[in-house]
Amino acid sequence: MKDLPEALRRIWEIVSSDDYVSGLQRANLPWRIYPLPRWLGNGHLNQLARTELLRQLTPFLHFANRSIRLRELEERELTDPERRISYYVEVDVRLAGRDQVRDLVEEIGRDPRRMELLAELSDDLTSLLKSALDLFATAGKASEDDDPSWADQPSISIHGQNHHFKEWSYLIELVRDSFMAITEVRPSAAQGLLERWNTIRYPTFRRLLLHALTEWTPQQS
């Protein structure tokens, strides 16, 4: 019996992993259990609402309804180790909020304390975007040299080309805006966020870094 190709092994590892099962469970939770984070009288965020917001923006691997066609596989040579997961099954990265993410992002934009909110969540948003790109890498769709942001978010700046057909691209927009929020709310932390971006080896973060450096001039001490 021939050994299974690496891509098929990876598909099995993904669908049998706790992370994949947890992703499916998150995607099936009700929308907006808690409202958008509100500020309490003491100036802090409502922690339960904050957790819900981040849950809605959590990425997970999504396999299309069309499953692997076993008969087709039987008729093909399974010895090519270079085949990616996408050769055998349609896979993408979705966010737990799915089609509601656009409304969520628009509501954030209307919040009177939007800048404080984004600055507060800057590290979390960066982690979520990195997780999305790590998932793309798991599916063979991202690496240090390439990732889907070129197609899904053509411009880091606000631009008509950014149609957000894939909801994960909203994470790019939120991370971008969170940096500008930090430069206003906590300017001393801005350099630290840029340094973190510089350690994440995906083109998306290099694009974000370049954009930030063209929009922001560090204050001289």
N, C-alpha and C. Protein backbone atom coordinates (compact mmCIF):
# COMPACT_ATOMS: atom_id res chain seq x y z
N MET A 1 0.86 -1.21 0.00
CA MET A 1 0.00 0.00 0.00
C MET A 1 0.89 1.25 0.00
N LYS A 2 0.59 2.15 -0.89
CA LYS A 2 1.38 3.36 -0.99
C LYS A 2 1.10 4.29 0.20
N ASP A 3 2.15 4.98 0.62
CA ASP A 3 1.99 5.96 1.69
C ASP A 3 1.12 7.11 1.20
N LEU A 4 0.30 7.63 2.11
CA LEU A 4 -0.50 8.80 1.78
C LEU A 4 0.41 10.00 1.58
N PRO A 5 0.06 10.88 0.65
CA PRO A 5 0.85 12.10 0.49
C PRO A 5 0.70 12.99 1.72
N GLU A 6 1.68 13.87 1.90
CA GLU A 6 1.71 14.72 3.08
C GLU A 6 0.45 15.58 3.19
N ALA A 7 -0.07 16.08 2.06
CA ALA A 7 -1.26 16.94 2.11
C ALA A 7 -2.46 16.22 2.72
N LEU A 8 -2.65 14.96 2.36
CA LEU A 8 -3.78 14.21 2.92
C LEU A 8 -3.57 13.95 4.40
N ARG A 9 -2.35 13.71 4.79
CA ARG A 9 -2.06 13.55 6.21
C ARG A 9 -2.41 14.84 6.97
N ARG A 10 -2.07 15.97 6.36
CA ARG A 10 -2.33 17.24 7.01
C ARG A 10 -3.83 17.49 7.12
N ILE A 11 -4.61 17.11 6.09
CA ILE A 11 -6.06 17.26 6.16
C ILE A 11 -6.61 16.47 7.35
N TRP A 12 -6.14 15.25 7.50
CA TRP A 12 -6.62 14.43 8.61
C TRP A 12 -6.22 15.04 9.95
N GLU A 13 -5.00 15.53 10.05
CA GLU A 13 -4.55 16.15 11.29
C GLU A 13 -5.40 17.37 11.64
N ILE A 14 -5.77 18.13 10.61
CA ILE A 14 -6.57 19.34 10.84
C ILE A 14 -7.96 18.99 11.34
N VAL A 15 -8.67 18.11 10.60
CA VAL A 15 -10.07 17.83 10.95
C VAL A 15 -10.19 17.05 12.25
N SER A 16 -9.12 16.40 12.69
CA SER A 16 -9.18 15.64 13.94
C SER A 16 -8.59 16.41 15.12
N SER A 17 -8.15 17.65 14.87
CA SER A 17 -7.51 18.42 15.93
C SER A 17 -8.54 19.13 16.80
N ASP A 18 -8.15 19.41 18.02
CA ASP A 18 -9.02 20.14 18.94
C ASP A 18 -9.29 21.55 18.42
N ASP A 19 -8.28 22.17 17.80
CA ASP A 19 -8.45 23.53 17.28
C ASP A 19 -9.53 23.59 16.22
N TYR A 20 -9.58 22.58 15.33
CA TYR A 20 -10.57 22.58 14.26
C TYR A 20 -11.97 22.38 14.84
N VAL A 21 -12.09 21.44 15.77
CA VAL A 21 -13.39 21.20 16.40
C VAL A 21 -13.84 22.44 17.16
N SER A 22 -12.91 23.08 17.87
CA SER A 22 -13.26 24.30 18.60
C SER A 22 -13.70 25.40 17.65
N GLY A 23 -13.05 25.47 16.48
CA GLY A 23 -13.43 26.47 15.48
C GLY A 23 -14.85 26.27 15.00
N LEU A 24 -15.22 25.02 14.75
CA LEU A 24 -16.60 24.73 14.35
C LEU A 24 -17.58 25.11 15.44
N GLN A 25 -17.22 24.83 16.68
CA GLN A 25 -18.11 25.18 17.78
C GLN A 25 -18.27 26.69 17.91
N ARG A 26 -17.16 27.43 17.74
CA ARG A 26 -17.24 28.89 17.82
C ARG A 26 -18.13 29.44 16.71
N ALA A 27 -18.02 28.84 15.53
CA ALA A 27 -18.79 29.34 14.41
C ALA A 27 -20.29 29.11 14.59
N ASN A 28 -20.65 28.12 15.41
CA ASN A 28 -22.05 27.80 15.60
C ASN A 28 -22.67 28.47 16.82
N LEU A 29 -21.88 29.24 17.56
CA LEU A 29 -22.43 29.96 18.70
C LEU A 29 -23.32 31.10 18.22
N PRO A 30 -24.29 31.49 19.01
CA PRO A 30 -25.18 32.60 18.61
C PRO A 30 -24.40 33.87 18.38
N TRP A 31 -24.93 34.70 17.48
CA TRP A 31 -24.31 35.99 17.16
C TRP A 31 -24.66 37.01 18.22
N ARG A 32 -23.63 37.73 18.67
CA ARG A 32 -23.80 38.88 19.56
C ARG A 32 -24.50 38.53 20.88
N ILE A 33 -23.93 37.54 21.58
CA ILE A 33 -24.43 37.24 22.91
C ILE A 33 -24.33 38.49 23.79
N TYR A 34 -23.22 39.19 23.60
CA TYR A 34 -23.00 40.44 24.33
C TYR A 34 -22.89 41.57 23.31
N PRO A 35 -23.24 42.80 23.70
CA PRO A 35 -23.12 43.92 22.77
C PRO A 35 -21.67 44.32 22.58
N LEU A 36 -21.45 45.23 21.66
CA LEU A 36 -20.11 45.77 21.48
C LEU A 36 -19.60 46.29 22.82
N PRO A 37 -18.32 46.08 23.12
CA PRO A 37 -17.79 46.50 24.43
C PRO A 37 -18.15 47.94 24.78
N ARG A 38 -18.67 48.08 25.98
CA ARG A 38 -19.01 49.41 26.47
C ARG A 38 -18.08 49.78 27.62
N TRP A 39 -17.93 51.06 27.82
CA TRP A 39 -17.05 51.55 28.87
C TRP A 39 -17.82 51.68 30.17
N LEU A 40 -17.24 51.17 31.23
CA LEU A 40 -17.86 51.26 32.53
C LEU A 40 -17.53 52.60 33.18
N GLY A 41 -18.18 52.87 34.29
CA GLY A 41 -17.96 54.15 34.96
C GLY A 41 -16.53 54.37 35.41
N ASN A 42 -15.80 53.28 35.66
CA ASN A 42 -14.42 53.41 36.11
C ASN A 42 -13.44 53.55 34.95
N GLY A 43 -13.97 53.67 33.70
CA GLY A 43 -13.10 53.88 32.55
C GLY A 43 -12.57 52.62 31.91
N HIS A 44 -13.00 51.44 32.40
CA HIS A 44 -12.54 50.18 31.85
C HIS A 44 -13.62 49.55 30.97
N LEU A 45 -13.18 48.64 30.10
CA LEU A 45 -14.11 47.95 29.22
C LEU A 45 -14.89 46.89 29.97
N ASN A 46 -16.12 46.64 29.52
CA ASN A 46 -16.88 45.49 29.99
C ASN A 46 -16.17 44.23 29.49
N GLN A 47 -15.62 43.43 30.41
CA GLN A 47 -14.77 42.31 30.02
C GLN A 47 -15.53 41.23 29.26
N LEU A 48 -16.78 40.97 29.64
CA LEU A 48 -17.56 39.95 28.94
C LEU A 48 -17.82 40.36 27.50
N ALA A 49 -18.16 41.63 27.29
CA ALA A 49 -18.42 42.11 25.94
C ALA A 49 -17.13 42.12 25.12
N ARG A 50 -16.02 42.46 25.75
CA ARG A 50 -14.72 42.45 25.07
C ARG A 50 -14.38 41.05 24.59
N THR A 51 -14.62 40.06 25.45
CA THR A 51 -14.36 38.67 25.09
C THR A 51 -15.22 38.23 23.92
N GLU A 52 -16.49 38.66 23.93
CA GLU A 52 -17.41 38.30 22.85
C GLU A 52 -16.95 38.91 21.53
N LEU A 53 -16.52 40.16 21.57
CA LEU A 53 -16.04 40.82 20.36
C LEU A 53 -14.87 40.05 19.74
N LEU A 54 -13.92 39.69 20.57
CA LEU A 54 -12.75 38.96 20.07
C LEU A 54 -13.14 37.57 19.57
N ARG A 55 -14.13 36.96 20.21
CA ARG A 55 -14.59 35.65 19.74
C ARG A 55 -15.17 35.75 18.34
N GLN A 56 -15.94 36.81 18.07
CA GLN A 56 -16.54 36.96 16.75
C GLN A 56 -15.46 37.15 15.68
N LEU A 57 -14.29 37.65 16.06
CA LEU A 57 -13.22 37.91 15.11
C LEU A 57 -12.19 36.78 15.07
N THR A 58 -12.47 35.69 15.75
CA THR A 58 -11.52 34.57 15.81
C THR A 58 -11.53 33.78 14.51
N PRO A 59 -10.37 33.56 13.88
CA PRO A 59 -10.32 32.81 12.62
C PRO A 59 -10.34 31.30 12.85
N PHE A 60 -10.83 30.58 11.84
CA PHE A 60 -10.79 29.12 11.87
C PHE A 60 -10.73 28.61 10.44
N LEU A 61 -10.21 27.41 10.27
CA LEU A 61 -10.15 26.80 8.95
C LEU A 61 -11.52 26.29 8.56
N HIS A 62 -11.91 26.58 7.33
CA HIS A 62 -13.23 26.18 6.84
C HIS A 62 -13.07 25.35 5.58
N PHE A 63 -13.57 24.12 5.62
CA PHE A 63 -13.57 23.27 4.44
C PHE A 63 -14.92 23.40 3.74
N ALA A 64 -14.89 23.56 2.44
CA ALA A 64 -16.12 23.72 1.67
C ALA A 64 -16.96 22.46 1.76
N ASN A 65 -18.24 22.62 1.46
CA ASN A 65 -19.15 21.47 1.55
C ASN A 65 -18.76 20.34 0.61
N ARG A 66 -18.13 20.71 -0.52
CA ARG A 66 -17.70 19.66 -1.45
C ARG A 66 -16.54 18.90 -0.82
N SER A 67 -16.76 17.66 -0.48
CA SER A 67 -15.73 16.88 0.20
C SER A 67 -14.74 16.31 -0.81
N ILE A 68 -13.71 15.69 -0.30
CA ILE A 68 -12.72 15.05 -1.16
C ILE A 68 -13.40 13.97 -1.99
N ARG A 69 -13.16 13.99 -3.29
CA ARG A 69 -13.77 13.01 -4.18
C ARG A 69 -12.90 11.76 -4.21
N LEU A 70 -13.29 10.75 -3.44
CA LEU A 70 -12.45 9.57 -3.27
C LEU A 70 -12.23 8.83 -4.58
N ARG A 71 -13.25 8.78 -5.42
CA ARG A 71 -13.08 8.05 -6.68
C ARG A 71 -12.02 8.73 -7.54
N GLU A 72 -12.06 10.05 -7.54
CA GLU A 72 -11.05 10.78 -8.30
C GLU A 72 -9.66 10.50 -7.75
N LEU A 73 -9.55 10.42 -6.42
CA LEU A 73 -8.25 10.15 -5.82
C LEU A 73 -7.76 8.75 -6.17
N GLU A 74 -8.69 7.80 -6.24
CA GLU A 74 -8.30 6.44 -6.57
C GLU A 74 -7.70 6.35 -7.96
N GLU A 75 -8.14 7.24 -8.85
CA GLU A 75 -7.68 7.19 -10.23
C GLU A 75 -6.39 7.98 -10.45
N ARG A 76 -5.91 8.66 -9.42
CA ARG A 76 -4.71 9.48 -9.55
C ARG A 76 -3.55 8.85 -8.80
N GLU A 77 -2.38 9.19 -9.22
CA GLU A 77 -1.19 8.78 -8.49
C GLU A 77 -1.09 9.64 -7.23
N LEU A 78 -0.91 8.99 -6.10
CA LEU A 78 -0.85 9.70 -4.83
C LEU A 78 0.59 9.83 -4.33
N THR A 79 1.52 9.88 -5.26
CA THR A 79 2.92 9.88 -4.86
C THR A 79 3.58 11.24 -4.93
N ASP A 80 2.84 12.25 -5.38
CA ASP A 80 3.42 13.58 -5.54
C ASP A 80 3.44 14.30 -4.19
N PRO A 81 4.61 14.47 -3.55
CA PRO A 81 4.66 15.09 -2.22
C PRO A 81 4.46 16.60 -2.27
N GLU A 82 4.46 17.18 -3.47
CA GLU A 82 4.37 18.64 -3.59
C GLU A 82 2.93 19.14 -3.63
N ARG A 83 1.98 18.24 -3.74
CA ARG A 83 0.60 18.68 -3.82
C ARG A 83 0.16 19.33 -2.51
N ARG A 84 -0.54 20.46 -2.63
CA ARG A 84 -1.02 21.16 -1.45
C ARG A 84 -2.39 20.63 -1.04
N ILE A 85 -2.79 21.02 0.17
CA ILE A 85 -4.11 20.63 0.66
C ILE A 85 -5.20 21.08 -0.30
N SER A 86 -5.04 22.27 -0.88
CA SER A 86 -6.07 22.82 -1.77
C SER A 86 -6.25 21.99 -3.04
N TYR A 87 -5.30 21.11 -3.35
CA TYR A 87 -5.47 20.22 -4.50
C TYR A 87 -6.58 19.21 -4.23
N TYR A 88 -6.71 18.81 -2.98
CA TYR A 88 -7.66 17.75 -2.64
C TYR A 88 -8.99 18.28 -2.11
N VAL A 89 -8.98 19.44 -1.49
CA VAL A 89 -10.21 19.93 -0.88
C VAL A 89 -10.17 21.46 -0.84
N GLU A 90 -11.33 22.09 -0.99
CA GLU A 90 -11.40 23.55 -0.92
C GLU A 90 -11.35 23.98 0.54
N VAL A 91 -10.37 24.80 0.86
CA VAL A 91 -10.18 25.23 2.24
C VAL A 91 -9.94 26.74 2.26
N ASP A 92 -10.50 27.39 3.27
CA ASP A 92 -10.35 28.84 3.42
C ASP A 92 -10.29 29.16 4.90
N VAL A 93 -10.03 30.41 5.20
CA VAL A 93 -10.05 30.88 6.58
C VAL A 93 -11.25 31.80 6.75
N ARG A 94 -12.10 31.49 7.71
CA ARG A 94 -13.26 32.30 8.01
C ARG A 94 -13.11 32.86 9.42
N LEU A 95 -13.95 33.84 9.74
CA LEU A 95 -14.03 34.36 11.10
C LEU A 95 -15.32 33.86 11.74
N ALA A 96 -15.30 33.69 13.04
CA ALA A 96 -16.45 33.10 13.73
C ALA A 96 -17.72 33.88 13.48
N GLY A 97 -17.62 35.20 13.32
CA GLY A 97 -18.80 36.02 13.07
C GLY A 97 -19.35 35.91 11.66
N ARG A 98 -18.55 35.33 10.76
CA ARG A 98 -18.94 35.11 9.36
C ARG A 98 -19.53 36.38 8.73
N ASP A 99 -20.73 36.27 8.17
CA ASP A 99 -21.30 37.37 7.41
C ASP A 99 -21.65 38.58 8.27
N GLN A 100 -21.63 38.41 9.59
CA GLN A 100 -21.94 39.52 10.48
C GLN A 100 -20.73 40.40 10.78
N VAL A 101 -19.55 39.98 10.31
CA VAL A 101 -18.33 40.73 10.65
C VAL A 101 -18.39 42.14 10.09
N ARG A 102 -18.92 42.31 8.88
CA ARG A 102 -19.01 43.66 8.31
C ARG A 102 -19.80 44.59 9.24
N ASP A 103 -20.96 44.12 9.73
CA ASP A 103 -21.76 44.94 10.64
C ASP A 103 -21.00 45.25 11.92
N LEU A 104 -20.26 44.28 12.41
CA LEU A 104 -19.49 44.47 13.62
C LEU A 104 -18.43 45.55 13.44
N VAL A 105 -17.71 45.48 12.33
CA VAL A 105 -16.67 46.48 12.05
C VAL A 105 -17.29 47.87 11.88
N GLU A 106 -18.44 47.93 11.22
CA GLU A 106 -19.10 49.22 11.04
C GLU A 106 -19.56 49.78 12.39
N GLU A 107 -20.00 48.93 13.29
CA GLU A 107 -20.43 49.39 14.60
C GLU A 107 -19.23 49.91 15.41
N ILE A 108 -18.10 49.23 15.29
CA ILE A 108 -16.88 49.73 15.94
C ILE A 108 -16.56 51.14 15.43
N GLY A 109 -16.72 51.34 14.11
CA GLY A 109 -16.44 52.64 13.52
C GLY A 109 -17.34 53.74 14.03
N ARG A 110 -18.53 53.37 14.51
CA ARG A 110 -19.47 54.37 15.02
C ARG A 110 -19.31 54.63 16.52
N ASP A 111 -18.54 53.80 17.18
CA ASP A 111 -18.41 53.93 18.63
C ASP A 111 -17.69 55.24 18.97
N PRO A 112 -18.24 56.05 19.89
CA PRO A 112 -17.63 57.35 20.21
C PRO A 112 -16.23 57.23 20.80
N ARG A 113 -15.90 56.07 21.35
CA ARG A 113 -14.56 55.88 21.91
C ARG A 113 -13.79 54.84 21.10
N ARG A 114 -13.99 54.90 19.79
CA ARG A 114 -13.37 53.94 18.88
C ARG A 114 -11.85 53.89 19.04
N MET A 115 -11.21 55.03 19.15
CA MET A 115 -9.75 55.05 19.24
C MET A 115 -9.26 54.36 20.51
N GLU A 116 -9.93 54.60 21.62
CA GLU A 116 -9.55 53.94 22.87
C GLU A 116 -9.77 52.44 22.77
N LEU A 117 -10.88 52.05 22.14
CA LEU A 117 -11.19 50.63 21.98
C LEU A 117 -10.13 49.92 21.14
N LEU A 118 -9.78 50.49 20.00
CA LEU A 118 -8.80 49.87 19.12
C LEU A 118 -7.41 49.83 19.76
N ALA A 119 -7.07 50.90 20.46
CA ALA A 119 -5.77 50.91 21.15
C ALA A 119 -5.73 49.82 22.22
N GLU A 120 -6.83 49.66 22.93
CA GLU A 120 -6.92 48.64 23.97
C GLU A 120 -6.77 47.24 23.40
N LEU A 121 -7.28 47.04 22.19
CA LEU A 121 -7.31 45.69 21.59
C LEU A 121 -6.17 45.44 20.61
N SER A 122 -5.22 46.36 20.50
CA SER A 122 -4.21 46.27 19.44
C SER A 122 -3.43 44.95 19.49
N ASP A 123 -3.00 44.52 20.66
CA ASP A 123 -2.25 43.26 20.76
C ASP A 123 -3.13 42.07 20.41
N ASP A 124 -4.37 42.09 20.88
CA ASP A 124 -5.29 40.98 20.59
C ASP A 124 -5.58 40.89 19.09
N LEU A 125 -5.81 42.03 18.47
CA LEU A 125 -6.10 42.05 17.03
C LEU A 125 -4.89 41.56 16.23
N THR A 126 -3.69 41.96 16.65
CA THR A 126 -2.49 41.48 15.98
C THR A 126 -2.38 39.97 16.10
N SER A 127 -2.69 39.43 17.28
CA SER A 127 -2.64 37.98 17.48
C SER A 127 -3.66 37.26 16.61
N LEU A 128 -4.86 37.83 16.47
CA LEU A 128 -5.89 37.21 15.63
C LEU A 128 -5.47 37.20 14.17
N LEU A 129 -4.87 38.30 13.70
CA LEU A 129 -4.41 38.34 12.31
C LEU A 129 -3.29 37.34 12.09
N LYS A 130 -2.37 37.24 13.02
CA LYS A 130 -1.31 36.24 12.89
C LYS A 130 -1.89 34.83 12.87
N SER A 131 -2.90 34.58 13.71
CA SER A 131 -3.53 33.26 13.72
C SER A 131 -4.17 32.94 12.38
N ALA A 132 -4.82 33.94 11.76
CA ALA A 132 -5.43 33.73 10.45
C ALA A 132 -4.37 33.35 9.42
N LEU A 133 -3.24 34.03 9.44
CA LEU A 133 -2.17 33.74 8.48
C LEU A 133 -1.51 32.40 8.78
N ASP A 134 -1.41 32.05 10.06
CA ASP A 134 -0.89 30.72 10.42
C ASP A 134 -1.79 29.63 9.87
N LEU A 135 -3.11 29.86 9.92
CA LEU A 135 -4.05 28.88 9.37
C LEU A 135 -3.91 28.79 7.86
N PHE A 136 -3.74 29.92 7.19
CA PHE A 136 -3.49 29.88 5.75
C PHE A 136 -2.21 29.10 5.46
N ALA A 137 -1.19 29.29 6.29
CA ALA A 137 0.06 28.56 6.10
C ALA A 137 -0.16 27.05 6.28
N THR A 138 -0.98 26.68 7.25
CA THR A 138 -1.30 25.26 7.45
C THR A 138 -1.94 24.66 6.21
N ALA A 139 -2.76 25.46 5.52
CA ALA A 139 -3.44 24.99 4.30
C ALA A 139 -2.56 25.14 3.06
N GLY A 140 -1.33 25.60 3.24
CA GLY A 140 -0.43 25.78 2.10
C GLY A 140 -0.70 27.02 1.29
N LYS A 141 -1.38 28.02 1.90
CA LYS A 141 -1.73 29.24 1.17
C LYS A 141 -0.98 30.47 1.67
N ALA A 142 -0.05 30.30 2.59
CA ALA A 142 0.73 31.45 3.09
C ALA A 142 2.11 30.97 3.47
N SER A 143 3.06 31.87 3.33
CA SER A 143 4.45 31.59 3.69
C SER A 143 5.14 32.92 3.95
N GLU A 144 6.42 32.86 4.19
CA GLU A 144 7.17 34.09 4.41
C GLU A 144 7.22 34.95 3.16
N ASP A 145 7.02 34.34 2.00
CA ASP A 145 7.13 35.07 0.74
C ASP A 145 5.78 35.45 0.12
N ASP A 146 4.70 34.84 0.56
CA ASP A 146 3.41 35.08 -0.09
C ASP A 146 2.29 34.78 0.88
N ASP A 147 1.18 35.49 0.73
CA ASP A 147 -0.03 35.19 1.48
C ASP A 147 -1.22 35.82 0.75
N PRO A 148 -2.45 35.50 1.16
CA PRO A 148 -3.63 35.94 0.40
C PRO A 148 -3.95 37.43 0.50
N SER A 149 -3.22 38.18 1.29
CA SER A 149 -3.58 39.58 1.46
C SER A 149 -3.47 40.37 0.16
N TRP A 150 -2.58 39.96 -0.74
CA TRP A 150 -2.43 40.69 -2.00
C TRP A 150 -3.75 40.71 -2.78
N ALA A 151 -4.49 39.61 -2.71
CA ALA A 151 -5.76 39.52 -3.43
C ALA A 151 -6.94 40.00 -2.59
N ASP A 152 -6.93 39.67 -1.30
CA ASP A 152 -8.09 39.95 -0.45
C ASP A 152 -8.07 41.35 0.14
N GLN A 153 -6.91 42.00 0.20
CA GLN A 153 -6.79 43.38 0.69
C GLN A 153 -5.73 44.06 -0.15
N PRO A 154 -6.06 44.42 -1.41
CA PRO A 154 -5.05 44.97 -2.32
C PRO A 154 -4.33 46.19 -1.78
N SER A 155 -5.04 47.03 -1.02
CA SER A 155 -4.43 48.24 -0.48
C SER A 155 -4.54 48.24 1.04
N ILE A 156 -3.42 48.48 1.71
CA ILE A 156 -3.48 48.60 3.17
C ILE A 156 -4.23 49.88 3.55
N SER A 157 -4.06 50.94 2.78
CA SER A 157 -4.80 52.17 3.02
C SER A 157 -6.27 51.99 2.62
N ILE A 158 -7.12 52.87 3.07
CA ILE A 158 -8.52 52.85 2.64
C ILE A 158 -8.56 53.08 1.14
N HIS A 159 -9.21 52.17 0.42
CA HIS A 159 -9.21 52.24 -1.04
C HIS A 159 -10.41 51.48 -1.59
N GLY A 160 -10.91 51.92 -2.72
CA GLY A 160 -12.06 51.27 -3.34
C GLY A 160 -11.80 49.85 -3.80
N GLN A 161 -10.52 49.48 -3.92
CA GLN A 161 -10.19 48.12 -4.32
C GLN A 161 -10.45 47.11 -3.21
N ASN A 162 -10.56 47.60 -1.99
CA ASN A 162 -10.75 46.69 -0.86
C ASN A 162 -12.24 46.36 -0.70
N HIS A 163 -12.66 45.27 -1.30
CA HIS A 163 -14.08 44.91 -1.30
C HIS A 163 -14.47 44.01 -0.13
N HIS A 164 -13.49 43.45 0.56
CA HIS A 164 -13.75 42.56 1.70
C HIS A 164 -14.66 41.39 1.32
N PHE A 165 -14.36 40.77 0.19
CA PHE A 165 -15.11 39.57 -0.18
C PHE A 165 -14.82 38.44 0.82
N LYS A 166 -13.65 38.46 1.41
CA LYS A 166 -13.27 37.48 2.44
C LYS A 166 -13.22 38.20 3.77
N GLU A 167 -14.02 37.75 4.75
CA GLU A 167 -14.14 38.56 5.97
C GLU A 167 -12.85 38.61 6.78
N TRP A 168 -11.92 37.67 6.58
CA TRP A 168 -10.68 37.72 7.35
C TRP A 168 -9.92 39.03 7.06
N SER A 169 -10.15 39.62 5.88
CA SER A 169 -9.42 40.83 5.52
C SER A 169 -9.80 42.01 6.43
N TYR A 170 -10.94 41.94 7.10
CA TYR A 170 -11.27 43.00 8.05
C TYR A 170 -10.26 43.05 9.19
N LEU A 171 -9.64 41.92 9.49
CA LEU A 171 -8.61 41.93 10.54
C LEU A 171 -7.45 42.83 10.15
N ILE A 172 -7.10 42.85 8.85
CA ILE A 172 -6.02 43.72 8.39
C ILE A 172 -6.39 45.18 8.65
N GLU A 173 -7.63 45.51 8.32
CA GLU A 173 -8.10 46.88 8.51
C GLU A 173 -8.11 47.27 9.99
N LEU A 174 -8.57 46.36 10.84
CA LEU A 174 -8.62 46.64 12.27
C LEU A 174 -7.23 46.77 12.87
N VAL A 175 -6.31 45.91 12.44
CA VAL A 175 -4.94 46.01 12.94
C VAL A 175 -4.30 47.31 12.49
N ARG A 176 -4.51 47.67 11.23
CA ARG A 176 -4.00 48.95 10.72
C ARG A 176 -4.51 50.11 11.57
N ASP A 177 -5.81 50.13 11.81
CA ASP A 177 -6.41 51.24 12.55
C ASP A 177 -6.01 51.22 14.02
N SER A 178 -5.75 50.02 14.55
CA SER A 178 -5.35 49.95 15.96
C SER A 178 -4.00 50.61 16.18
N PHE A 179 -3.13 50.54 15.16
CA PHE A 179 -1.83 51.21 15.31
C PHE A 179 -2.01 52.73 15.34
N MET A 180 -2.81 53.25 14.43
CA MET A 180 -3.03 54.69 14.43
C MET A 180 -3.71 55.13 15.72
N ALA A 181 -4.56 54.27 16.27
CA ALA A 181 -5.20 54.59 17.54
C ALA A 181 -4.16 54.68 18.66
N ILE A 182 -3.20 53.76 18.65
CA ILE A 182 -2.17 53.78 19.69
C ILE A 182 -1.32 55.04 19.60
N THR A 183 -1.04 55.49 18.38
CA THR A 183 -0.22 56.69 18.24
C THR A 183 -0.90 57.91 18.86
N GLU A 184 -2.23 57.86 18.98
CA GLU A 184 -2.96 58.97 19.58
C GLU A 184 -3.22 58.75 21.07
N VAL A 185 -3.57 57.53 21.42
CA VAL A 185 -3.99 57.25 22.79
C VAL A 185 -2.80 56.91 23.69
N ARG A 186 -1.89 56.07 23.19
CA ARG A 186 -0.72 55.66 23.97
C ARG A 186 0.51 55.71 23.08
N PRO A 187 0.96 56.89 22.67
CA PRO A 187 2.06 56.99 21.72
C PRO A 187 3.34 56.29 22.15
N SER A 188 3.56 56.15 23.46
CA SER A 188 4.77 55.49 23.94
C SER A 188 4.78 54.00 23.61
N ALA A 189 3.60 53.42 23.30
CA ALA A 189 3.51 52.00 23.00
C ALA A 189 3.57 51.70 21.51
N ALA A 190 3.56 52.75 20.68
CA ALA A 190 3.51 52.54 19.23
C ALA A 190 4.72 51.78 18.71
N GLN A 191 5.90 52.15 19.17
CA GLN A 191 7.12 51.50 18.69
C GLN A 191 7.13 50.02 19.05
N GLY A 192 6.62 49.69 20.23
CA GLY A 192 6.57 48.29 20.64
C GLY A 192 5.69 47.45 19.72
N LEU A 193 4.56 48.03 19.28
CA LEU A 193 3.68 47.30 18.38
C LEU A 193 4.36 47.08 17.03
N LEU A 194 5.04 48.09 16.53
CA LEU A 194 5.77 47.94 15.27
C LEU A 194 6.84 46.86 15.38
N GLU A 195 7.52 46.82 16.51
CA GLU A 195 8.56 45.81 16.70
C GLU A 195 7.96 44.41 16.72
N ARG A 196 6.77 44.28 17.27
CA ARG A 196 6.12 42.98 17.24
C ARG A 196 5.77 42.60 15.81
N TRP A 197 5.19 43.53 15.06
CA TRP A 197 4.87 43.24 13.66
C TRP A 197 6.10 42.77 12.90
N ASN A 198 7.23 43.37 13.20
CA ASN A 198 8.46 43.06 12.46
C ASN A 198 8.94 41.64 12.72
N THR A 199 8.46 41.01 13.79
CA THR A 199 8.87 39.63 14.08
C THR A 199 7.96 38.60 13.41
N ILE A 200 6.85 39.05 12.83
CA ILE A 200 5.88 38.12 12.22
C ILE A 200 6.17 38.03 10.74
N ARG A 201 6.59 36.87 10.29
CA ARG A 201 7.17 36.74 8.95
C ARG A 201 6.14 36.39 7.89
N TYR A 202 5.19 37.29 7.69
CA TYR A 202 4.24 37.17 6.58
C TYR A 202 4.23 38.50 5.83
N PRO A 203 4.00 38.50 4.51
CA PRO A 203 3.95 39.76 3.77
C PRO A 203 2.91 40.74 4.31
N THR A 204 1.80 40.23 4.83
CA THR A 204 0.77 41.13 5.37
C THR A 204 1.35 42.07 6.41
N PHE A 205 2.16 41.54 7.31
CA PHE A 205 2.72 42.38 8.36
C PHE A 205 3.83 43.27 7.84
N ARG A 206 4.53 42.86 6.82
CA ARG A 206 5.50 43.76 6.21
C ARG A 206 4.78 44.92 5.53
N ARG A 207 3.65 44.64 4.91
CA ARG A 207 2.86 45.70 4.28
C ARG A 207 2.31 46.66 5.34
N LEU A 208 1.81 46.11 6.45
CA LEU A 208 1.31 46.95 7.54
C LEU A 208 2.43 47.82 8.12
N LEU A 209 3.60 47.23 8.27
CA LEU A 209 4.73 47.97 8.82
C LEU A 209 5.11 49.13 7.91
N LEU A 210 5.17 48.86 6.61
CA LEU A 210 5.52 49.91 5.66
C LEU A 210 4.47 51.03 5.68
N HIS A 211 3.20 50.65 5.73
CA HIS A 211 2.13 51.64 5.78
C HIS A 211 2.26 52.50 7.03
N ALA A 212 2.50 51.86 8.17
CA ALA A 212 2.59 52.60 9.43
C ALA A 212 3.75 53.59 9.40
N LEU A 213 4.87 53.17 8.84
CA LEU A 213 6.05 54.03 8.82
C LEU A 213 5.87 55.21 7.87
N THR A 214 4.99 55.07 6.89
CA THR A 214 4.73 56.20 6.00
C THR A 214 3.71 57.16 6.59
N GLU A 215 2.92 56.68 7.56
CA GLU A 215 1.87 57.50 8.14
C GLU A 215 2.25 58.13 9.48
N TRP A 216 3.32 57.63 10.09
CA TRP A 216 3.62 58.03 11.48
C TRP A 216 5.10 58.35 11.61
N THR A 217 5.39 59.45 12.28
CA THR A 217 6.75 59.83 12.57
C THR A 217 6.97 59.74 14.08
N PRO A 218 7.88 58.88 14.52
CA PRO A 218 8.11 58.75 15.97
C PRO A 218 8.54 60.08 16.59
N GLN A 219 8.05 60.32 17.80
CA GLN A 219 8.44 61.52 18.50
C GLN A 219 9.86 61.38 19.02
N GLN A 220 10.64 62.41 18.84
CA GLN A 220 12.02 62.39 19.33
C GLN A 220 12.03 62.66 20.81
N SER A 221 12.77 61.82 21.52
CA SER A 221 12.85 61.98 22.98
C SER A 221 13.90 63.02 23.34
